Protein backbone atom coordinates (compact mmCIF):
# COMPACT_ATOMS: atom_id res chain seq x y z
CA MET A 1 100.65 70.03 103.18
CA ALA A 2 97.48 71.77 102.13
CA ASP A 3 94.50 71.91 104.50
CA PRO A 4 91.84 69.63 102.94
CA ALA A 5 89.16 71.85 104.55
CA VAL A 6 90.25 74.72 102.31
CA PRO A 7 88.36 74.66 98.98
CA PRO A 8 90.45 74.57 95.78
CA ALA A 9 91.20 77.70 93.77
CA HIS A 10 89.16 78.41 90.64
CA THR A 11 89.07 80.70 87.68
CA PRO A 12 92.89 80.91 87.33
CA LYS A 13 94.63 83.72 85.37
CA ASN A 14 98.26 83.76 84.37
CA TYR A 15 99.81 87.28 84.10
CA THR A 16 103.39 86.05 84.24
CA ALA A 17 105.78 85.64 81.31
CA SER A 18 105.91 81.87 81.96
CA VAL A 19 103.67 78.96 81.14
CA ALA A 20 101.73 77.95 84.23
CA THR A 21 100.91 74.26 84.72
CA LEU A 22 98.02 73.89 87.21
CA PHE A 23 97.31 70.66 89.03
CA THR A 24 94.10 69.33 90.71
CA GLY A 25 96.10 67.89 93.60
CA VAL A 26 98.52 69.25 96.16
CA ASP A 27 102.30 69.10 95.46
CA CYS A 28 101.71 69.20 91.69
CA THR A 29 99.88 65.86 91.50
CA GLY A 30 96.64 64.77 89.81
CA ASP A 31 95.24 65.97 86.48
CA TYR A 32 96.79 69.16 85.01
CA PHE A 33 96.06 72.03 82.72
CA THR A 34 98.44 74.65 81.28
CA LEU A 35 97.79 78.30 80.88
CA ARG A 36 99.71 80.34 78.33
CA PRO A 37 101.78 83.32 79.49
CA ASN A 38 100.53 86.97 79.54
CA GLY A 39 96.87 86.52 80.18
CA GLY A 40 96.05 82.83 79.83
CA HIS A 41 93.02 81.88 81.90
CA GLY A 42 90.66 79.09 82.87
CA SER A 43 86.90 78.86 83.60
CA GLU A 44 85.48 78.84 87.11
CA ARG A 45 84.88 75.09 86.54
CA LEU A 46 88.64 74.56 86.68
CA LYS A 47 89.48 73.68 90.30
CA VAL A 48 93.19 73.64 91.18
CA ARG A 49 95.37 73.12 94.32
CA SER A 50 98.97 73.67 93.00
CA VAL A 51 100.88 75.35 90.26
CA VAL A 52 104.36 75.28 88.69
CA PHE A 53 105.77 77.88 86.33
CA ALA A 54 108.15 77.01 83.49
C-alpha cells in the first residue's frame, strides 16, 4: 500500500508505446485520465497515485 505521507505524482508523461491510464487513488482506484502513447502528457495540476498500461 502506498504511504499516505508521500505526495502524489504530477506532470505525467508517457513515452511508452502503450496507452497509460492514470488514477488518483492507489491500486488503480478513483478518478482516472488516459495519456496517449509516444509522448502523451498531463499538466502539473494532474495528481496521480497509480497507473496501468494497455
